[in-house]
Amino acid sequence: MRVLITEKKEDGRLEAIDRRDWTEDMLAALQHANYILLNGQEYEMLEGRLNVNDATMEILVAPVSESGSVPQ
């Protein structure tokens, strides 16, 4: 399945940061994970939705700072 990861910036803007096909195992792991690593950056997964028209899982994330907190 195609997965689109969108980052919520500190100023509220949304920016698509990754789009790729995920395996069934990766999709199943979403049930057990709250954070993802992408290109060396850790993100907290905020919410997800299934876009049926595009056959895409869309995941909204926020970057985790080095102190371990998510910017507000």
N, C-alpha and C. Protein backbone atom coordinates (compact mmCIF):
# COMPACT_ATOMS: atom_id res chain seq x y z
N MET A 1 0.84 -1.18 0.00
CA MET A 1 0.00 0.00 0.00
C MET A 1 0.89 1.24 0.00
N ARG A 2 0.45 2.26 -0.69
CA ARG A 2 1.16 3.53 -0.74
C ARG A 2 0.89 4.28 0.57
N VAL A 3 1.97 4.84 1.17
CA VAL A 3 1.88 5.60 2.42
C VAL A 3 2.47 6.99 2.17
N LEU A 4 1.72 8.01 2.57
CA LEU A 4 2.15 9.40 2.49
C LEU A 4 2.38 9.89 3.91
N ILE A 5 3.59 10.36 4.21
CA ILE A 5 3.90 10.91 5.53
C ILE A 5 3.98 12.42 5.38
N THR A 6 3.20 13.12 6.20
CA THR A 6 3.13 14.57 6.16
C THR A 6 3.56 15.12 7.51
N GLU A 7 4.50 16.07 7.48
CA GLU A 7 5.00 16.68 8.72
C GLU A 7 4.21 17.94 9.03
N LYS A 8 3.78 18.05 10.29
CA LYS A 8 3.15 19.27 10.78
C LYS A 8 4.26 20.17 11.31
N LYS A 9 4.48 21.30 10.65
CA LYS A 9 5.54 22.23 11.04
C LYS A 9 5.10 23.03 12.27
N GLU A 10 6.07 23.66 12.94
CA GLU A 10 5.78 24.44 14.14
C GLU A 10 4.79 25.57 13.87
N ASP A 11 4.81 26.13 12.65
CA ASP A 11 3.90 27.23 12.32
C ASP A 11 2.55 26.73 11.82
N GLY A 12 2.34 25.42 11.86
CA GLY A 12 1.05 24.85 11.47
C GLY A 12 0.98 24.39 10.03
N ARG A 13 1.97 24.74 9.21
CA ARG A 13 1.97 24.29 7.83
C ARG A 13 2.15 22.78 7.75
N LEU A 14 1.65 22.19 6.69
CA LEU A 14 1.81 20.76 6.44
C LEU A 14 2.71 20.57 5.24
N GLU A 15 3.68 19.64 5.36
CA GLU A 15 4.62 19.38 4.26
C GLU A 15 4.79 17.88 4.08
N ALA A 16 4.50 17.41 2.87
CA ALA A 16 4.72 15.99 2.55
C ALA A 16 6.22 15.72 2.57
N ILE A 17 6.64 14.72 3.37
CA ILE A 17 8.07 14.44 3.48
C ILE A 17 8.45 13.06 2.96
N ASP A 18 7.47 12.20 2.71
CA ASP A 18 7.80 10.88 2.19
C ASP A 18 6.56 10.26 1.57
N ARG A 19 6.78 9.56 0.48
CA ARG A 19 5.70 8.82 -0.19
C ARG A 19 6.33 7.58 -0.78
N ARG A 20 5.87 6.42 -0.33
CA ARG A 20 6.42 5.16 -0.84
C ARG A 20 5.45 4.03 -0.55
N ASP A 21 5.70 2.88 -1.17
CA ASP A 21 4.90 1.68 -0.90
C ASP A 21 5.46 0.99 0.34
N TRP A 22 4.57 0.59 1.24
CA TRP A 22 4.94 -0.14 2.45
C TRP A 22 4.49 -1.58 2.31
N THR A 23 5.24 -2.47 2.94
CA THR A 23 4.86 -3.88 2.96
C THR A 23 3.72 -4.08 3.96
N GLU A 24 3.08 -5.23 3.89
CA GLU A 24 2.02 -5.56 4.85
C GLU A 24 2.56 -5.59 6.28
N ASP A 25 3.81 -6.07 6.45
CA ASP A 25 4.41 -6.11 7.79
C ASP A 25 4.62 -4.71 8.35
N MET A 26 5.06 -3.77 7.51
CA MET A 26 5.25 -2.39 7.97
C MET A 26 3.91 -1.77 8.36
N LEU A 27 2.88 -2.01 7.58
CA LEU A 27 1.56 -1.48 7.90
C LEU A 27 1.04 -2.08 9.20
N ALA A 28 1.24 -3.36 9.41
CA ALA A 28 0.79 -4.01 10.64
C ALA A 28 1.53 -3.45 11.85
N ALA A 29 2.79 -3.07 11.68
CA ALA A 29 3.58 -2.53 12.79
C ALA A 29 3.05 -1.18 13.26
N LEU A 30 2.28 -0.49 12.44
CA LEU A 30 1.70 0.79 12.85
C LEU A 30 0.82 0.64 14.09
N GLN A 31 0.25 -0.54 14.30
CA GLN A 31 -0.60 -0.78 15.46
C GLN A 31 0.19 -0.76 16.76
N HIS A 32 1.50 -0.92 16.68
CA HIS A 32 2.34 -1.04 17.87
C HIS A 32 3.33 0.11 18.04
N ALA A 33 3.37 1.03 17.11
CA ALA A 33 4.37 2.09 17.15
C ALA A 33 3.72 3.46 17.31
N ASN A 34 4.37 4.32 18.08
CA ASN A 34 3.92 5.70 18.22
C ASN A 34 4.89 6.67 17.54
N TYR A 35 6.09 6.18 17.25
CA TYR A 35 7.14 6.99 16.65
C TYR A 35 7.72 6.28 15.45
N ILE A 36 8.20 7.06 14.48
CA ILE A 36 8.89 6.49 13.32
C ILE A 36 10.20 7.24 13.13
N LEU A 37 11.15 6.56 12.51
CA LEU A 37 12.42 7.18 12.11
C LEU A 37 12.41 7.29 10.59
N LEU A 38 12.75 8.47 10.10
CA LEU A 38 12.77 8.70 8.66
C LEU A 38 13.95 9.61 8.35
N ASN A 39 14.88 9.09 7.56
CA ASN A 39 16.06 9.87 7.18
C ASN A 39 16.81 10.44 8.38
N GLY A 40 16.91 9.65 9.45
CA GLY A 40 17.66 10.04 10.63
C GLY A 40 16.91 10.94 11.59
N GLN A 41 15.68 11.31 11.28
CA GLN A 41 14.86 12.17 12.16
C GLN A 41 13.76 11.32 12.79
N GLU A 42 13.52 11.52 14.09
CA GLU A 42 12.44 10.83 14.77
C GLU A 42 11.19 11.70 14.73
N TYR A 43 10.06 11.04 14.46
CA TYR A 43 8.77 11.73 14.39
C TYR A 43 7.76 11.00 15.26
N GLU A 44 6.88 11.76 15.90
CA GLU A 44 5.74 11.18 16.59
C GLU A 44 4.58 11.14 15.61
N MET A 45 3.92 9.99 15.54
CA MET A 45 2.76 9.86 14.68
C MET A 45 1.56 10.45 15.42
N LEU A 46 0.92 11.45 14.81
CA LEU A 46 -0.19 12.14 15.44
C LEU A 46 -1.53 11.53 15.07
N GLU A 47 -1.70 11.23 13.81
CA GLU A 47 -2.95 10.61 13.36
C GLU A 47 -2.75 10.03 11.98
N GLY A 48 -3.69 9.21 11.59
CA GLY A 48 -3.63 8.62 10.26
C GLY A 48 -5.03 8.52 9.68
N ARG A 49 -5.07 8.48 8.37
CA ARG A 49 -6.36 8.29 7.70
C ARG A 49 -6.13 7.50 6.42
N LEU A 50 -7.15 6.79 6.03
CA LEU A 50 -7.11 6.01 4.81
C LEU A 50 -7.82 6.78 3.72
N ASN A 51 -7.09 7.16 2.69
CA ASN A 51 -7.66 7.85 1.55
C ASN A 51 -8.06 6.78 0.54
N VAL A 52 -9.33 6.45 0.52
CA VAL A 52 -9.83 5.36 -0.32
C VAL A 52 -9.71 5.72 -1.80
N ASN A 53 -9.97 6.98 -2.14
CA ASN A 53 -9.91 7.39 -3.55
C ASN A 53 -8.53 7.21 -4.15
N ASP A 54 -7.48 7.48 -3.36
CA ASP A 54 -6.11 7.35 -3.85
C ASP A 54 -5.44 6.06 -3.42
N ALA A 55 -6.16 5.21 -2.67
CA ALA A 55 -5.59 3.97 -2.13
C ALA A 55 -4.29 4.27 -1.38
N THR A 56 -4.34 5.28 -0.51
CA THR A 56 -3.16 5.74 0.21
C THR A 56 -3.46 5.87 1.70
N MET A 57 -2.54 5.41 2.53
CA MET A 57 -2.59 5.65 3.96
C MET A 57 -1.83 6.95 4.20
N GLU A 58 -2.47 7.91 4.83
CA GLU A 58 -1.85 9.21 5.11
C GLU A 58 -1.55 9.31 6.60
N ILE A 59 -0.30 9.61 6.94
CA ILE A 59 0.11 9.69 8.34
C ILE A 59 0.62 11.09 8.62
N LEU A 60 0.05 11.74 9.64
CA LEU A 60 0.49 13.06 10.07
C LEU A 60 1.48 12.89 11.21
N VAL A 61 2.66 13.52 11.09
CA VAL A 61 3.72 13.38 12.08
C VAL A 61 4.22 14.75 12.52
N ALA A 62 4.85 14.76 13.70
CA ALA A 62 5.53 15.96 14.20
C ALA A 62 6.93 15.55 14.60
N PRO A 63 7.94 16.39 14.30
CA PRO A 63 9.32 16.03 14.65
C PRO A 63 9.51 16.03 16.16
N VAL A 64 10.35 15.12 16.63
CA VAL A 64 10.70 15.06 18.04
C VAL A 64 12.04 15.78 18.20
N SER A 65 12.11 16.70 19.14
CA SER A 65 13.36 17.44 19.33
C SER A 65 14.37 16.53 20.00
N GLU A 66 15.63 16.99 20.06
CA GLU A 66 16.69 16.19 20.68
C GLU A 66 16.41 15.95 22.16
N SER A 67 15.61 16.81 22.79
CA SER A 67 15.29 16.62 24.21
C SER A 67 14.19 15.58 24.38
N GLY A 68 13.62 15.13 23.24
CA GLY A 68 12.61 14.08 23.30
C GLY A 68 11.19 14.59 23.30
N SER A 69 11.00 15.91 23.14
CA SER A 69 9.65 16.46 23.15
C SER A 69 9.23 16.86 21.76
N VAL A 70 7.92 16.91 21.56
CA VAL A 70 7.36 17.34 20.28
C VAL A 70 7.07 18.82 20.38
N PRO A 71 7.55 19.64 19.44
CA PRO A 71 7.25 21.08 19.47
C PRO A 71 5.75 21.31 19.40
N GLN A 72 5.26 22.29 20.09
CA GLN A 72 3.82 22.60 20.09
C GLN A 72 3.46 23.48 18.95
